[in-house]
């Protein structure tokens, strides 16, 4: 009985995570709560995602959403806008820098 309750709660958590995706966010693979969908560290992974989702896609890792832009003109246009002029605060990664901003 307890196992069924735990599995049900896990299923509800996953469905809530998938359905709660913010509007206007570029497409990307579905991820799991907390774990996310993984981050593409190798160029081969990025190229595979680019073929599947287009030049702009998102990935999630540890609750942080990463936006990948794979087109030079789009990157140049995006970096010229004020919306992209500041870096986000990644509190989850402060353990690597002993709490110091890099």
PDB file of N, CA and C in Angstrom:
ATOM      1  N   UNK A   1       0.821  -1.195   0.000  1.00  0.00           N
ATOM      2  CA  UNK A   1       0.000   0.000   0.000  1.00  0.00           C
ATOM      3  C   UNK A   1       0.869   1.264   0.000  1.00  0.00           C
ATOM      4  N   UNK A   2       1.914   1.240   0.795  1.00  0.00           N
ATOM      5  CA  UNK A   2       2.797   2.410   0.879  1.00  0.00           C
ATOM      6  C   UNK A   2       3.539   2.611  -0.443  1.00  0.00           C
ATOM      7  N   UNK A   3       3.933   1.515  -1.065  1.00  0.00           N
ATOM      8  CA  UNK A   3       4.632   1.611  -2.348  1.00  0.00           C
ATOM      9  C   UNK A   3       3.745   2.253  -3.407  1.00  0.00           C
ATOM     10  N   UNK A   4       2.462   1.901  -3.438  1.00  0.00           N
ATOM     11  CA  UNK A   4       1.541   2.482  -4.402  1.00  0.00           C
ATOM     12  C   UNK A   4       1.373   3.975  -4.170  1.00  0.00           C
ATOM     13  N   UNK A   5       1.313   4.385  -2.920  1.00  0.00           N
ATOM     14  CA  UNK A   5       1.181   5.811  -2.598  1.00  0.00           C
ATOM     15  C   UNK A   5       2.423   6.570  -3.042  1.00  0.00           C
ATOM     16  N   UNK A   6       3.593   6.013  -2.797  1.00  0.00           N
ATOM     17  CA  UNK A   6       4.845   6.663  -3.193  1.00  0.00           C
ATOM     18  C   UNK A   6       4.931   6.770  -4.714  1.00  0.00           C
ATOM     19  N   UNK A   7       4.561   5.703  -5.416  1.00  0.00           N
ATOM     20  CA  UNK A   7       4.586   5.738  -6.882  1.00  0.00           C
ATOM     21  C   UNK A   7       3.578   6.751  -7.423  1.00  0.00           C
ATOM     22  N   UNK A   8       2.404   6.818  -6.816  1.00  0.00           N
ATOM     23  CA  UNK A   8       1.399   7.786  -7.239  1.00  0.00           C
ATOM     24  C   UNK A   8       1.893   9.216  -7.040  1.00  0.00           C
ATOM     25  N   UNK A   9       2.485   9.507  -5.889  1.00  0.00           N
ATOM     26  CA  UNK A   9       3.007  10.849  -5.626  1.00  0.00           C
ATOM     27  C   UNK A   9       4.143  11.199  -6.586  1.00  0.00           C
ATOM     28  N   UNK A  10       4.985  10.228  -6.900  1.00  0.00           N
ATOM     29  CA  UNK A  10       6.066  10.453  -7.853  1.00  0.00           C
ATOM     30  C   UNK A  10       5.504  10.767  -9.237  1.00  0.00           C
ATOM     31  N   UNK A  11       4.479  10.034  -9.648  1.00  0.00           N
ATOM     32  CA  UNK A  11       3.835  10.274 -10.932  1.00  0.00           C
ATOM     33  C   UNK A  11       3.187  11.655 -10.983  1.00  0.00           C
ATOM     34  N   UNK A  12       2.524  12.046  -9.901  1.00  0.00           N
ATOM     35  CA  UNK A  12       1.904  13.378  -9.837  1.00  0.00           C
ATOM     36  C   UNK A  12       2.980  14.463  -9.917  1.00  0.00           C
ATOM     37  N   UNK A  13       4.091  14.258  -9.236  1.00  0.00           N
ATOM     38  CA  UNK A  13       5.190  15.226  -9.259  1.00  0.00           C
ATOM     39  C   UNK A  13       5.759  15.368 -10.665  1.00  0.00           C
ATOM     40  N   UNK A  14       5.954  14.274 -11.367  1.00  0.00           N
ATOM     41  CA  UNK A  14       6.480  14.333 -12.732  1.00  0.00           C
ATOM     42  C   UNK A  14       5.490  15.017 -13.661  1.00  0.00           C
ATOM     43  N   UNK A  15       4.211  14.658 -13.582  1.00  0.00           N
ATOM     44  CA  UNK A  15       3.203  15.291 -14.442  1.00  0.00           C
ATOM     45  C   UNK A  15       3.093  16.781 -14.165  1.00  0.00           C
ATOM     46  N   UNK A  16       3.136  17.168 -12.910  1.00  0.00           N
ATOM     47  CA  UNK A  16       3.076  18.591 -12.545  1.00  0.00           C
ATOM     48  C   UNK A  16       4.276  19.331 -13.132  1.00  0.00           C
ATOM     49  N   UNK A  17       5.436  18.722 -13.063  1.00  0.00           N
ATOM     50  CA  UNK A  17       6.655  19.341 -13.593  1.00  0.00           C
ATOM     51  C   UNK A  17       6.551  19.531 -15.106  1.00  0.00           C
ATOM     52  N   UNK A  18       6.047  18.526 -15.816  1.00  0.00           N
ATOM     53  CA  UNK A  18       5.941  18.613 -17.270  1.00  0.00           C
ATOM     54  C   UNK A  18       4.878  19.606 -17.705  1.00  0.00           C
ATOM     55  N   UNK A  19       3.766  19.692 -16.991  1.00  0.00           N
ATOM     56  CA  UNK A  19       2.670  20.563 -17.388  1.00  0.00           C
ATOM     57  C   UNK A  19       2.877  22.007 -16.960  1.00  0.00           C
ATOM     58  N   UNK A  20       3.802  22.251 -16.067  1.00  0.00           N
ATOM     59  CA  UNK A  20       4.043  23.587 -15.524  1.00  0.00           C
ATOM     60  C   UNK A  20       5.054  24.382 -16.336  1.00  0.00           C
ATOM     61  N   UNK A  21       5.454  23.892 -17.454  1.00  0.00           N
ATOM     62  CA  UNK A  21       6.459  24.558 -18.292  1.00  0.00           C
ATOM     63  C   UNK A  21       6.009  25.987 -18.613  1.00  0.00           C
ATOM     64  N   UNK A  22       6.861  26.978 -18.380  1.00  0.00           N
ATOM     65  CA  UNK A  22       6.477  28.377 -18.632  1.00  0.00           C
ATOM     66  C   UNK A  22       6.122  28.624 -20.099  1.00  0.00           C
ATOM     67  N   UNK A  23       5.155  29.489 -20.304  1.00  0.00           N
ATOM     68  CA  UNK A  23       4.741  29.840 -21.667  1.00  0.00           C
ATOM     69  C   UNK A  23       5.819  30.697 -22.319  1.00  0.00           C
ATOM     70  N   UNK A  24       5.998  30.544 -23.608  1.00  0.00           N
ATOM     71  CA  UNK A  24       6.969  31.343 -24.345  1.00  0.00           C
ATOM     72  C   UNK A  24       8.387  30.800 -24.279  1.00  0.00           C
ATOM     73  N   UNK A  25       8.593  29.711 -23.571  1.00  0.00           N
ATOM     74  CA  UNK A  25       9.921  29.118 -23.470  1.00  0.00           C
ATOM     75  C   UNK A  25      10.170  28.258 -24.710  1.00  0.00           C
ATOM     76  N   UNK A  26      11.361  28.346 -25.319  1.00  0.00           N
ATOM     77  CA  UNK A  26      11.631  27.519 -26.499  1.00  0.00           C
ATOM     78  C   UNK A  26      11.526  26.035 -26.162  1.00  0.00           C
ATOM     79  N   UNK A  27      11.317  25.238 -27.175  1.00  0.00           N
ATOM     80  CA  UNK A  27      11.151  23.800 -26.971  1.00  0.00           C
ATOM     81  C   UNK A  27      12.455  23.164 -26.507  1.00  0.00           C
ATOM     82  N   UNK A  28      12.318  21.981 -25.981  1.00  0.00           N
ATOM     83  CA  UNK A  28      13.447  21.215 -25.503  1.00  0.00           C
ATOM     84  C   UNK A  28      12.942  19.898 -24.954  1.00  0.00           C
ATOM     85  N   UNK A  29      13.830  18.995 -24.607  1.00  0.00           N
ATOM     86  CA  UNK A  29      13.394  17.700 -24.102  1.00  0.00           C
ATOM     87  C   UNK A  29      12.740  17.828 -22.728  1.00  0.00           C
ATOM     88  N   UNK A  30      11.799  16.937 -22.458  1.00  0.00           N
ATOM     89  CA  UNK A  30      11.177  16.906 -21.147  1.00  0.00           C
ATOM     90  C   UNK A  30      12.165  16.340 -20.146  1.00  0.00           C
ATOM     91  N   UNK A  31      12.167  16.898 -18.969  1.00  0.00           N
ATOM     92  CA  UNK A  31      13.081  16.440 -17.939  1.00  0.00           C
ATOM     93  C   UNK A  31      12.341  15.948 -16.725  1.00  0.00           C
ATOM     94  N   UNK A  32      13.073  15.479 -15.760  1.00  0.00           N
ATOM     95  CA  UNK A  32      12.516  15.009 -14.507  1.00  0.00           C
ATOM     96  C   UNK A  32      12.689  16.091 -13.445  1.00  0.00           C
ATOM     97  N   UNK A  33      11.803  16.130 -12.448  1.00  0.00           N
ATOM     98  CA  UNK A  33      11.970  17.112 -11.373  1.00  0.00           C
ATOM     99  C   UNK A  33      13.338  16.943 -10.710  1.00  0.00           C
ATOM    100  N   UNK A  34      13.945  18.027 -10.365  1.00  0.00           N
ATOM    101  CA  UNK A  34      15.253  18.140  -9.716  1.00  0.00           C
ATOM    102  C   UNK A  34      16.377  17.712 -10.658  1.00  0.00           C
ATOM    103  N   UNK A  35      16.290  16.551 -11.280  1.00  0.00           N
ATOM    104  CA  UNK A  35      17.350  16.088 -12.181  1.00  0.00           C
ATOM    105  C   UNK A  35      17.384  16.881 -13.467  1.00  0.00           C
ATOM    106  N   UNK A  36      16.224  17.253 -13.985  1.00  0.00           N
ATOM    107  CA  UNK A  36      16.149  17.997 -15.233  1.00  0.00           C
ATOM    108  C   UNK A  36      16.327  17.093 -16.436  1.00  0.00           C
ATOM    109  N   UNK A  37      16.678  17.685 -17.548  1.00  0.00           N
ATOM    110  CA  UNK A  37      16.850  16.930 -18.788  1.00  0.00           C
ATOM    111  C   UNK A  37      18.324  16.723 -19.118  1.00  0.00           C
ATOM    112  N   UNK A  38      19.191  17.274 -18.316  1.00  0.00           N
ATOM    113  CA  UNK A  38      20.617  17.163 -18.580  1.00  0.00           C
ATOM    114  C   UNK A  38      21.122  18.370 -19.346  1.00  0.00           C
ATOM    115  N   UNK A  39      22.386  18.624 -19.254  1.00  0.00           N
ATOM    116  CA  UNK A  39      22.995  19.751 -19.953  1.00  0.00           C
ATOM    117  C   UNK A  39      23.948  19.193 -20.998  1.00  0.00           C
ATOM    118  N   UNK A  40      23.923  19.766 -22.183  1.00  0.00           N
ATOM    119  CA  UNK A  40      24.791  19.303 -23.266  1.00  0.00           C
ATOM    120  C   UNK A  40      26.179  19.914 -23.077  1.00  0.00           C
ATOM    121  N   UNK A  41      27.143  19.092 -22.713  1.00  0.00           N
ATOM    122  CA  UNK A  41      28.510  19.557 -22.509  1.00  0.00           C
ATOM    123  C   UNK A  41      29.380  19.333 -23.740  1.00  0.00           C
ATOM    124  N   UNK A  42      28.968  18.432 -24.607  1.00  0.00           N
ATOM    125  CA  UNK A  42      29.758  18.130 -25.795  1.00  0.00           C
ATOM    126  C   UNK A  42      29.054  18.678 -27.030  1.00  0.00           C
ATOM    127  N   UNK A  43      29.836  19.054 -28.015  1.00  0.00           N
ATOM    128  CA  UNK A  43      29.289  19.632 -29.239  1.00  0.00           C
ATOM    129  C   UNK A  43      28.377  18.646 -29.960  1.00  0.00           C
ATOM    130  N   UNK A  44      28.685  17.362 -29.886  1.00  0.00           N
ATOM    131  CA  UNK A  44      27.861  16.341 -30.526  1.00  0.00           C
ATOM    132  C   UNK A  44      26.446  16.351 -29.935  1.00  0.00           C
ATOM    133  N   UNK A  45      26.341  16.500 -28.613  1.00  0.00           N
ATOM    134  CA  UNK A  45      25.035  16.559 -27.969  1.00  0.00           C
ATOM    135  C   UNK A  45      24.269  17.803 -28.420  1.00  0.00           C
ATOM    136  N   UNK A  46      24.959  18.934 -28.478  1.00  0.00           N
ATOM    137  CA  UNK A  46      24.320  20.184 -28.892  1.00  0.00           C
ATOM    138  C   UNK A  46      23.808  20.070 -30.323  1.00  0.00           C
ATOM    139  N   UNK A  47      24.600  19.485 -31.212  1.00  0.00           N
ATOM    140  CA  UNK A  47      24.184  19.334 -32.607  1.00  0.00           C
ATOM    141  C   UNK A  47      22.976  18.399 -32.736  1.00  0.00           C
ATOM    142  N   UNK A  48      22.933  17.348 -31.920  1.00  0.00           N
ATOM    143  CA  UNK A  48      21.772  16.453 -31.943  1.00  0.00           C
ATOM    144  C   UNK A  48      20.512  17.180 -31.491  1.00  0.00           C
ATOM    145  N   UNK A  49      20.621  17.964 -30.417  1.00  0.00           N
ATOM    146  CA  UNK A  49      19.472  18.743 -29.948  1.00  0.00           C
ATOM    147  C   UNK A  49      19.075  19.803 -30.980  1.00  0.00           C
ATOM    148  N   UNK A  50      20.061  20.398 -31.647  1.00  0.00           N
ATOM    149  CA  UNK A  50      19.768  21.419 -32.654  1.00  0.00           C
ATOM    150  C   UNK A  50      18.986  20.823 -33.820  1.00  0.00           C
ATOM    151  N   UNK A  51      19.359  19.620 -34.247  1.00  0.00           N
ATOM    152  CA  UNK A  51      18.625  18.965 -35.328  1.00  0.00           C
ATOM    153  C   UNK A  51      17.185  18.684 -34.923  1.00  0.00           C
ATOM    154  N   UNK A  52      16.998  18.310 -33.671  1.00  0.00           N
ATOM    155  CA  UNK A  52      15.670  17.911 -33.207  1.00  0.00           C
ATOM    156  C   UNK A  52      14.785  19.103 -32.848  1.00  0.00           C
ATOM    157  N   UNK A  53      15.342  20.156 -32.193  1.00  0.00           N
ATOM    158  CA  UNK A  53      14.534  21.251 -31.651  1.00  0.00           C
ATOM    159  C   UNK A  53      14.746  22.596 -32.344  1.00  0.00           C
ATOM    160  N   UNK A  54      15.712  22.704 -33.249  1.00  0.00           N
ATOM    161  CA  UNK A  54      15.946  23.960 -33.940  1.00  0.00           C
ATOM    162  C   UNK A  54      17.124  24.717 -33.354  1.00  0.00           C
ATOM    163  N   UNK A  55      17.300  25.975 -33.812  1.00  0.00           N
ATOM    164  CA  UNK A  55      18.462  26.776 -33.409  1.00  0.00           C
ATOM    165  C   UNK A  55      18.386  27.297 -31.977  1.00  0.00           C
ATOM    166  N   UNK A  56      17.196  27.351 -31.399  1.00  0.00           N
ATOM    167  CA  UNK A  56      17.034  27.826 -30.019  1.00  0.00           C
ATOM    168  C   UNK A  56      16.271  26.757 -29.247  1.00  0.00           C
ATOM    169  N   UNK A  57      16.872  26.263 -28.160  1.00  0.00           N
ATOM    170  CA  UNK A  57      16.204  25.260 -27.338  1.00  0.00           C
ATOM    171  C   UNK A  57      16.639  25.418 -25.894  1.00  0.00           C
ATOM    172  N   UNK A  58      15.893  24.797 -24.992  1.00  0.00           N
ATOM    173  CA  UNK A  58      16.213  24.879 -23.570  1.00  0.00           C
ATOM    174  C   UNK A  58      16.481  23.488 -23.019  1.00  0.00           C
ATOM    175  N   UNK A  59      17.367  23.439 -22.053  1.00  0.00           N
ATOM    176  CA  UNK A  59      17.622  22.239 -21.269  1.00  0.00           C
ATOM    177  C   UNK A  59      17.561  22.643 -19.807  1.00  0.00           C
ATOM    178  N   UNK A  60      17.287  21.682 -18.954  1.00  0.00           N
ATOM    179  CA  UNK A  60      17.179  21.980 -17.529  1.00  0.00           C
ATOM    180  C   UNK A  60      18.102  21.049 -16.761  1.00  0.00           C
ATOM    181  N   UNK A  61      18.763  21.600 -15.757  1.00  0.00           N
ATOM    182  CA  UNK A  61      19.642  20.805 -14.907  1.00  0.00           C
ATOM    183  C   UNK A  61      19.575  21.359 -13.496  1.00  0.00           C
ATOM    184  N   UNK A  62      19.239  20.525 -12.547  1.00  0.00           N
ATOM    185  CA  UNK A  62      19.161  20.894 -11.128  1.00  0.00           C
ATOM    186  C   UNK A  62      18.227  22.082 -10.907  1.00  0.00           C
ATOM    187  N   UNK A  63      17.126  22.126 -11.631  1.00  0.00           N
ATOM    188  CA  UNK A  63      16.147  23.188 -11.457  1.00  0.00           C
ATOM    189  C   UNK A  63      16.486  24.495 -12.151  1.00  0.00           C
ATOM    190  N   UNK A  64      17.601  24.546 -12.868  1.00  0.00           N
ATOM    191  CA  UNK A  64      18.019  25.752 -13.583  1.00  0.00           C
ATOM    192  C   UNK A  64      17.824  25.509 -15.072  1.00  0.00           C
ATOM    193  N   UNK A  65      17.163  26.434 -15.744  1.00  0.00           N
ATOM    194  CA  UNK A  65      16.928  26.310 -17.178  1.00  0.00           C
ATOM    195  C   UNK A  65      18.066  26.994 -17.940  1.00  0.00           C
ATOM    196  N   UNK A  66      18.594  26.297 -18.939  1.00  0.00           N
ATOM    197  CA  UNK A  66      19.663  26.817 -19.779  1.00  0.00           C
ATOM    198  C   UNK A  66      19.119  27.012 -21.182  1.00  0.00           C
ATOM    199  N   UNK A  67      19.397  28.162 -21.774  1.00  0.00           N
ATOM    200  CA  UNK A  67      18.955  28.477 -23.118  1.00  0.00           C
ATOM    201  C   UNK A  67      20.147  28.333 -24.055  1.00  0.00           C
ATOM    202  N   UNK A  68      19.984  27.504 -25.068  1.00  0.00           N
ATOM    203  CA  UNK A  68      21.036  27.297 -26.060  1.00  0.00           C
ATOM    204  C   UNK A  68      20.629  28.012 -27.342  1.00  0.00           C
ATOM    205  N   UNK A  69      21.524  28.826 -27.867  1.00  0.00           N
ATOM    206  CA  UNK A  69      21.310  29.517 -29.140  1.00  0.00           C
ATOM    207  C   UNK A  69      22.415  29.048 -30.077  1.00  0.00           C
ATOM    208  N   UNK A  70      22.036  28.457 -31.208  1.00  0.00           N
ATOM    209  CA  UNK A  70      22.999  27.801 -32.097  1.00  0.00           C
ATOM    210  C   UNK A  70      23.123  28.479 -33.453  1.00  0.00           C
ATOM    211  N   UNK A  71      22.844  29.760 -33.538  1.00  0.00           N
ATOM    212  CA  UNK A  71      22.952  30.475 -34.807  1.00  0.00           C
ATOM    213  C   UNK A  71      23.674  31.794 -34.558  1.00  0.00           C
ATOM    214  N   UNK A  72      24.681  32.089 -35.352  1.00  0.00           N
ATOM    215  CA  UNK A  72      25.503  33.275 -35.131  1.00  0.00           C
ATOM    216  C   UNK A  72      24.678  34.555 -35.135  1.00  0.00           C
ATOM    217  N   UNK A  73      23.785  34.713 -36.113  1.00  0.00           N
ATOM    218  CA  UNK A  73      22.984  35.940 -36.195  1.00  0.00           C
ATOM    219  C   UNK A  73      22.058  36.086 -34.993  1.00  0.00           C
ATOM    220  N   UNK A  74      21.485  34.967 -34.536  1.00  0.00           N
ATOM    221  CA  UNK A  74      20.623  35.015 -33.351  1.00  0.00           C
ATOM    222  C   UNK A  74      21.423  35.370 -32.094  1.00  0.00           C
ATOM    223  N   UNK A  75      22.628  34.821 -31.984  1.00  0.00           N
ATOM    224  CA  UNK A  75      23.482  35.134 -30.829  1.00  0.00           C
ATOM    225  C   UNK A  75      23.843  36.613 -30.831  1.00  0.00           C
ATOM    226  N   UNK A  76      24.229  37.130 -31.978  1.00  0.00           N
ATOM    227  CA  UNK A  76      24.610  38.537 -32.088  1.00  0.00           C
ATOM    228  C   UNK A  76      23.433  39.447 -31.749  1.00  0.00           C
ATOM    229  N   UNK A  77      22.244  39.099 -32.227  1.00  0.00           N
ATOM    230  CA  UNK A  77      21.043  39.876 -31.922  1.00  0.00           C
ATOM    231  C   UNK A  77      20.692  39.793 -30.429  1.00  0.00           C
ATOM    232  N   UNK A  78      20.787  38.595 -29.866  1.00  0.00           N
ATOM    233  CA  UNK A  78      20.428  38.418 -28.456  1.00  0.00           C
ATOM    234  C   UNK A  78      21.388  39.160 -27.531  1.00  0.00           C
ATOM    235  N   UNK A  79      22.674  39.121 -27.828  1.00  0.00           N
ATOM    236  CA  UNK A  79      23.645  39.777 -26.952  1.00  0.00           C
ATOM    237  C   UNK A  79      23.574  41.297 -27.048  1.00  0.00           C
ATOM    238  N   UNK A  80      22.922  41.820 -28.067  1.00  0.00           N
ATOM    239  CA  UNK A  80      22.736  43.260 -28.192  1.00  0.00           C
ATOM    240  C   UNK A  80      21.522  43.771 -27.413  1.00  0.00           C
ATOM    241  N   UNK A  81      20.721  42.877 -26.863  1.00  0.00           N
ATOM    242  CA  UNK A  81      19.511  43.275 -26.128  1.00  0.00           C
ATOM    243  C   UNK A  81      19.794  43.401 -24.634  1.00  0.00           C
ATOM    244  N   UNK A  82      19.050  44.274 -23.985  1.00  0.00           N
ATOM    245  CA  UNK A  82      19.249  44.485 -22.551  1.00  0.00           C
ATOM    246  C   UNK A  82      18.755  43.303 -21.723  1.00  0.00           C
ATOM    247  N   UNK A  83      17.830  42.496 -22.250  1.00  0.00           N
ATOM    248  CA  UNK A  83      17.329  41.346 -21.497  1.00  0.00           C
ATOM    249  C   UNK A  83      18.422  40.318 -21.213  1.00  0.00           C
ATOM    250  N   UNK A  84      19.443  40.275 -22.048  1.00  0.00           N
ATOM    251  CA  UNK A  84      20.520  39.307 -21.897  1.00  0.00           C
ATOM    252  C   UNK A  84      21.808  39.937 -21.353  1.00  0.00           C
ATOM    253  N   UNK A  85      21.721  41.131 -20.777  1.00  0.00           N
ATOM    254  CA  UNK A  85      22.930  41.832 -20.370  1.00  0.00           C
ATOM    255  C   UNK A  85      23.428  41.440 -18.980  1.00  0.00           C
ATOM    256  N   UNK A  86      22.679  40.649 -18.232  1.00  0.00           N
ATOM    257  CA  UNK A  86      23.092  40.291 -16.876  1.00  0.00           C
ATOM    258  C   UNK A  86      23.107  38.778 -16.729  1.00  0.00           C
ATOM    259  N   UNK A  87      24.023  38.283 -15.910  1.00  0.00           N
ATOM    260  CA  UNK A  87      24.099  36.853 -15.653  1.00  0.00           C
ATOM    261  C   UNK A  87      23.194  36.503 -14.487  1.00  0.00           C
ATOM    262  N   UNK A  88      22.543  35.350 -14.530  1.00  0.00           N
ATOM    263  CA  UNK A  88      21.678  34.951 -13.416  1.00  0.00           C
ATOM    264  C   UNK A  88      22.506  34.511 -12.217  1.00  0.00           C
ATOM    265  N   UNK A  89      21.897  34.590 -11.058  1.00  0.00           N
ATOM    266  CA  UNK A  89      22.539  34.102  -9.845  1.00  0.00           C
ATOM    267  C   UNK A  89      22.233  32.618  -9.717  1.00  0.00           C
ATOM    268  N   UNK A  90      23.243  31.799  -9.685  1.00  0.00           N
ATOM    269  CA  UNK A  90      23.065  30.351  -9.599  1.00  0.00           C
ATOM    270  C   UNK A  90      23.455  29.880  -8.197  1.00  0.00           C
ATOM    271  N   UNK A  91      22.522  30.041  -7.254  1.00  0.00           N
ATOM    272  CA  UNK A  91      22.816  29.694  -5.867  1.00  0.00           C
ATOM    273  C   UNK A  91      23.186  28.227  -5.698  1.00  0.00           C
ATOM    274  N   UNK A  92      22.618  27.372  -6.532  1.00  0.00           N
ATOM    275  CA  UNK A  92      22.894  25.941  -6.428  1.00  0.00           C
ATOM    276  C   UNK A  92      24.324  25.568  -6.730  1.00  0.00           C
ATOM    277  N   UNK A  93      25.067  26.436  -7.417  1.00  0.00           N
ATOM    278  CA  UNK A  93      26.437  26.135  -7.798  1.00  0.00           C
ATOM    279  C   UNK A  93      27.477  26.885  -6.957  1.00  0.00           C
ATOM    280  N   UNK A  94      27.049  27.557  -5.897  1.00  0.00           N
ATOM    281  CA  UNK A  94      27.982  28.312  -5.065  1.00  0.00           C
ATOM    282  C   UNK A  94      28.937  27.412  -4.292  1.00  0.00           C
ATOM    283  N   UNK A  95      28.581  26.141  -4.115  1.00  0.00           N
ATOM    284  CA  UNK A  95      29.469  25.252  -3.376  1.00  0.00           C
ATOM    285  C   UNK A  95      30.791  25.054  -4.103  1.00  0.00           C
ATOM    286  N   UNK A  96      30.818  25.263  -5.412  1.00  0.00           N
ATOM    287  CA  UNK A  96      32.063  25.108  -6.173  1.00  0.00           C
ATOM    288  C   UNK A  96      32.992  26.304  -6.003  1.00  0.00           C
ATOM    289  N   UNK A  97      32.445  27.468  -5.625  1.00  0.00           N
ATOM    290  CA  UNK A  97      33.269  28.670  -5.499  1.00  0.00           C
ATOM    291  C   UNK A  97      33.284  29.195  -4.063  1.00  0.00           C
ATOM    292  N   UNK A  98      32.888  28.376  -3.112  1.00  0.00           N
ATOM    293  CA  UNK A  98      32.818  28.757  -1.697  1.00  0.00           C
ATOM    294  C   UNK A  98      31.953  29.975  -1.482  1.00  0.00           C
ATOM    295  N   UNK A  99      30.883  30.098  -2.242  1.00  0.00           N
ATOM    296  CA  UNK A  99      29.920  31.193  -2.057  1.00  0.00           C
ATOM    297  C   UNK A  99      30.309  32.503  -2.684  1.00  0.00           C
ATOM    298  N   UNK A 100      31.418  32.564  -3.408  1.00  0.00           N
ATOM    299  CA  UNK A 100      31.866  33.801  -4.035  1.00  0.00           C
ATOM    300  C   UNK A 100      31.286  33.911  -5.430  1.00  0.00           C
ATOM    301  N   UNK A 101      30.920  35.118  -5.817  1.00  0.00           N
ATOM    302  CA  UNK A 101      30.455  35.360  -7.187  1.00  0.00           C
ATOM    303  C   UNK A 101      31.646  35.346  -8.115  1.00  0.00           C
ATOM    304  N   UNK A 102      31.478  34.720  -9.248  1.00  0.00           N
ATOM    305  CA  UNK A 102      32.587  34.613 -10.221  1.00  0.00           C
ATOM    306  C   UNK A 102      32.322  35.583 -11.344  1.00  0.00           C
TER     307      UNK A 102
END
